[in-house]
Amino acid sequence: MEAKYTLQTTMIANSLLNILGIKSVAIRNKMTLKNNLTMLSV
């Protein structure tokens, strides 16, 4: 019972980390894209 609960918590934590990771990558990509567009327009 205890081990099952811990595993579930770990899975949920990993999912949250993945979502946060994907979000930060998307934000970084958006920033890079913005920088590239700025460089191109100069």
PDB file of N, CA and C in Angstrom:
ATOM      1  N   MET A   1       0.845  -1.210   0.000  1.00  0.00           N
ATOM      2  CA  MET A   1       0.000   0.000   0.000  1.00  0.00           C
ATOM      3  C   MET A   1       0.876   1.255   0.000  1.00  0.00           C
ATOM      4  N   GLU A   2       1.834   1.297   0.910  1.00  0.00           N
ATOM      5  CA  GLU A   2       2.716   2.460   1.038  1.00  0.00           C
ATOM      6  C   GLU A   2       3.561   2.652  -0.219  1.00  0.00           C
ATOM      7  N   ALA A   3       4.116   1.556  -0.742  1.00  0.00           N
ATOM      8  CA  ALA A   3       4.964   1.624  -1.929  1.00  0.00           C
ATOM      9  C   ALA A   3       4.166   2.094  -3.141  1.00  0.00           C
ATOM     10  N   LYS A   4       2.931   1.624  -3.251  1.00  0.00           N
ATOM     11  CA  LYS A   4       2.059   1.994  -4.362  1.00  0.00           C
ATOM     12  C   LYS A   4       1.806   3.504  -4.349  1.00  0.00           C
ATOM     13  N   TYR A   5       1.534   4.039  -3.152  1.00  0.00           N
ATOM     14  CA  TYR A   5       1.271   5.462  -2.988  1.00  0.00           C
ATOM     15  C   TYR A   5       2.497   6.291  -3.386  1.00  0.00           C
ATOM     16  N   THR A   6       3.670   5.837  -2.963  1.00  0.00           N
ATOM     17  CA  THR A   6       4.912   6.537  -3.278  1.00  0.00           C
ATOM     18  C   THR A   6       5.151   6.551  -4.777  1.00  0.00           C
ATOM     19  N   LEU A   7       4.901   5.423  -5.433  1.00  0.00           N
ATOM     20  CA  LEU A   7       5.089   5.318  -6.873  1.00  0.00           C
ATOM     21  C   LEU A   7       4.165   6.296  -7.598  1.00  0.00           C
ATOM     22  N   GLN A   8       2.911   6.360  -7.141  1.00  0.00           N
ATOM     23  CA  GLN A   8       1.931   7.255  -7.752  1.00  0.00           C
ATOM     24  C   GLN A   8       2.369   8.711  -7.593  1.00  0.00           C
ATOM     25  N   THR A   9       2.841   9.056  -6.396  1.00  0.00           N
ATOM     26  CA  THR A   9       3.308  10.413  -6.127  1.00  0.00           C
ATOM     27  C   THR A   9       4.489  10.756  -7.027  1.00  0.00           C
ATOM     28  N   THR A  10       5.401   9.807  -7.193  1.00  0.00           N
ATOM     29  CA  THR A  10       6.571  10.006  -8.044  1.00  0.00           C
ATOM     30  C   THR A  10       6.144  10.241  -9.487  1.00  0.00           C
ATOM     31  N   MET A  11       5.177   9.454  -9.948  1.00  0.00           N
ATOM     32  CA  MET A  11       4.681   9.596 -11.319  1.00  0.00           C
ATOM     33  C   MET A  11       4.045  10.964 -11.527  1.00  0.00           C
ATOM     34  N   ILE A  12       3.263  11.410 -10.543  1.00  0.00           N
ATOM     35  CA  ILE A  12       2.613  12.719 -10.633  1.00  0.00           C
ATOM     36  C   ILE A  12       3.679  13.814 -10.651  1.00  0.00           C
ATOM     37  N   ALA A  13       4.674  13.683  -9.773  1.00  0.00           N
ATOM     38  CA  ALA A  13       5.757  14.666  -9.716  1.00  0.00           C
ATOM     39  C   ALA A  13       6.505  14.726 -11.046  1.00  0.00           C
ATOM     40  N   ASN A  14       6.780  13.561 -11.632  1.00  0.00           N
ATOM     41  CA  ASN A  14       7.472  13.513 -12.921  1.00  0.00           C
ATOM     42  C   ASN A  14       6.647  14.172 -14.015  1.00  0.00           C
ATOM     43  N   SER A  15       5.335  13.939 -13.991  1.00  0.00           N
ATOM     44  CA  SER A  15       4.446  14.545 -14.977  1.00  0.00           C
ATOM     45  C   SER A  15       4.491  16.065 -14.863  1.00  0.00           C
ATOM     46  N   LEU A  16       4.436  16.564 -13.630  1.00  0.00           N
ATOM     47  CA  LEU A  16       4.487  18.009 -13.412  1.00  0.00           C
ATOM     48  C   LEU A  16       5.808  18.581 -13.900  1.00  0.00           C
ATOM     49  N   LEU A  17       6.902  17.876 -13.600  1.00  0.00           N
ATOM     50  CA  LEU A  17       8.219  18.328 -14.042  1.00  0.00           C
ATOM     51  C   LEU A  17       8.292  18.350 -15.572  1.00  0.00           C
ATOM     52  N   ASN A  18       7.714  17.330 -16.207  1.00  0.00           N
ATOM     53  CA  ASN A  18       7.709  17.277 -17.667  1.00  0.00           C
ATOM     54  C   ASN A  18       6.935  18.445 -18.251  1.00  0.00           C
ATOM     55  N   ILE A  19       5.778  18.740 -17.661  1.00  0.00           N
ATOM     56  CA  ILE A  19       4.958  19.856 -18.142  1.00  0.00           C
ATOM     57  C   ILE A  19       5.733  21.166 -17.980  1.00  0.00           C
ATOM     58  N   LEU A  20       6.347  21.347 -16.820  1.00  0.00           N
ATOM     59  CA  LEU A  20       7.139  22.560 -16.574  1.00  0.00           C
ATOM     60  C   LEU A  20       8.310  22.637 -17.538  1.00  0.00           C
ATOM     61  N   GLY A  21       8.947  21.496 -17.758  1.00  0.00           N
ATOM     62  CA  GLY A  21      10.076  21.445 -18.680  1.00  0.00           C
ATOM     63  C   GLY A  21       9.665  21.816 -20.092  1.00  0.00           C
ATOM     64  N   ILE A  22       8.540  21.273 -20.541  1.00  0.00           N
ATOM     65  CA  ILE A  22       8.037  21.576 -21.881  1.00  0.00           C
ATOM     66  C   ILE A  22       7.705  23.059 -21.988  1.00  0.00           C
ATOM     67  N   LYS A  23       7.098  23.609 -20.937  1.00  0.00           N
ATOM     68  CA  LYS A  23       6.746  25.023 -20.942  1.00  0.00           C
ATOM     69  C   LYS A  23       7.982  25.898 -21.050  1.00  0.00           C
ATOM     70  N   SER A  24       9.012  25.579 -20.246  1.00  0.00           N
ATOM     71  CA  SER A  24      10.224  26.395 -20.257  1.00  0.00           C
ATOM     72  C   SER A  24      10.937  26.291 -21.602  1.00  0.00           C
ATOM     73  N   VAL A  25      10.908  25.114 -22.218  1.00  0.00           N
ATOM     74  CA  VAL A  25      11.512  24.946 -23.543  1.00  0.00           C
ATOM     75  C   VAL A  25      10.748  25.786 -24.566  1.00  0.00           C
ATOM     76  N   ALA A  26       9.431  25.764 -24.481  1.00  0.00           N
ATOM     77  CA  ALA A  26       8.596  26.545 -25.402  1.00  0.00           C
ATOM     78  C   ALA A  26       8.879  28.035 -25.247  1.00  0.00           C
ATOM     79  N   ILE A  27       9.000  28.476 -23.997  1.00  0.00           N
ATOM     80  CA  ILE A  27       9.299  29.891 -23.742  1.00  0.00           C
ATOM     81  C   ILE A  27      10.671  30.238 -24.306  1.00  0.00           C
ATOM     82  N   ARG A  28      11.644  29.352 -24.082  1.00  0.00           N
ATOM     83  CA  ARG A  28      12.996  29.585 -24.579  1.00  0.00           C
ATOM     84  C   ARG A  28      13.002  29.636 -26.111  1.00  0.00           C
ATOM     85  N   ASN A  29      12.256  28.727 -26.731  1.00  0.00           N
ATOM     86  CA  ASN A  29      12.175  28.709 -28.193  1.00  0.00           C
ATOM     87  C   ASN A  29      11.544  29.989 -28.711  1.00  0.00           C
ATOM     88  N   LYS A  30      10.523  30.474 -28.014  1.00  0.00           N
ATOM     89  CA  LYS A  30       9.853  31.703 -28.417  1.00  0.00           C
ATOM     90  C   LYS A  30      10.816  32.884 -28.324  1.00  0.00           C
ATOM     91  N   MET A  31      11.598  32.925 -27.246  1.00  0.00           N
ATOM     92  CA  MET A  31      12.580  33.991 -27.056  1.00  0.00           C
ATOM     93  C   MET A  31      13.624  33.935 -28.163  1.00  0.00           C
ATOM     94  N   THR A  32      14.093  32.732 -28.475  1.00  0.00           N
ATOM     95  CA  THR A  32      15.097  32.552 -29.526  1.00  0.00           C
ATOM     96  C   THR A  32      14.539  33.007 -30.858  1.00  0.00           C
ATOM     97  N   LEU A  33      13.307  32.641 -31.133  1.00  0.00           N
ATOM     98  CA  LEU A  33      12.643  33.036 -32.375  1.00  0.00           C
ATOM     99  C   LEU A  33      12.546  34.553 -32.459  1.00  0.00           C
ATOM    100  N   LYS A  34      12.168  35.177 -31.357  1.00  0.00           N
ATOM    101  CA  LYS A  34      12.058  36.635 -31.308  1.00  0.00           C
ATOM    102  C   LYS A  34      13.423  37.271 -31.575  1.00  0.00           C
ATOM    103  N   ASN A  35      14.476  36.728 -30.954  1.00  0.00           N
ATOM    104  CA  ASN A  35      15.829  37.244 -31.156  1.00  0.00           C
ATOM    105  C   ASN A  35      16.265  37.088 -32.604  1.00  0.00           C
ATOM    106  N   ASN A  36      15.945  35.931 -33.194  1.00  0.00           N
ATOM    107  CA  ASN A  36      16.301  35.691 -34.591  1.00  0.00           C
ATOM    108  C   ASN A  36      15.592  36.669 -35.513  1.00  0.00           C
ATOM    109  N   LEU A  37      14.318  36.933 -35.261  1.00  0.00           N
ATOM    110  CA  LEU A  37      13.558  37.870 -36.079  1.00  0.00           C
ATOM    111  C   LEU A  37      14.134  39.275 -35.942  1.00  0.00           C
ATOM    112  N   THR A  38      14.543  39.628 -34.739  1.00  0.00           N
ATOM    113  CA  THR A  38      15.139  40.944 -34.498  1.00  0.00           C
ATOM    114  C   THR A  38      16.442  41.081 -35.289  1.00  0.00           C
ATOM    115  N   MET A  39      17.251  40.014 -35.250  1.00  0.00           N
ATOM    116  CA  MET A  39      18.516  40.024 -35.987  1.00  0.00           C
ATOM    117  C   MET A  39      18.270  40.140 -37.490  1.00  0.00           C
ATOM    118  N   LEU A  40      17.263  39.424 -37.977  1.00  0.00           N
ATOM    119  CA  LEU A  40      16.960  39.436 -39.405  1.00  0.00           C
ATOM    120  C   LEU A  40      16.499  40.814 -39.865  1.00  0.00           C
ATOM    121  N   SER A  41      15.715  41.484 -39.034  1.00  0.00           N
ATOM    122  CA  SER A  41      15.161  42.778 -39.431  1.00  0.00           C
ATOM    123  C   SER A  41      16.191  43.901 -39.351  1.00  0.00           C
ATOM    124  N   VAL A  42      17.290  43.665 -38.634  1.00  0.00           N
ATOM    125  CA  VAL A  42      18.338  44.699 -38.515  1.00  0.00           C
ATOM    126  C   VAL A  42      19.135  44.772 -39.812  1.00  0.00           C
TER     127      VAL A  42
END
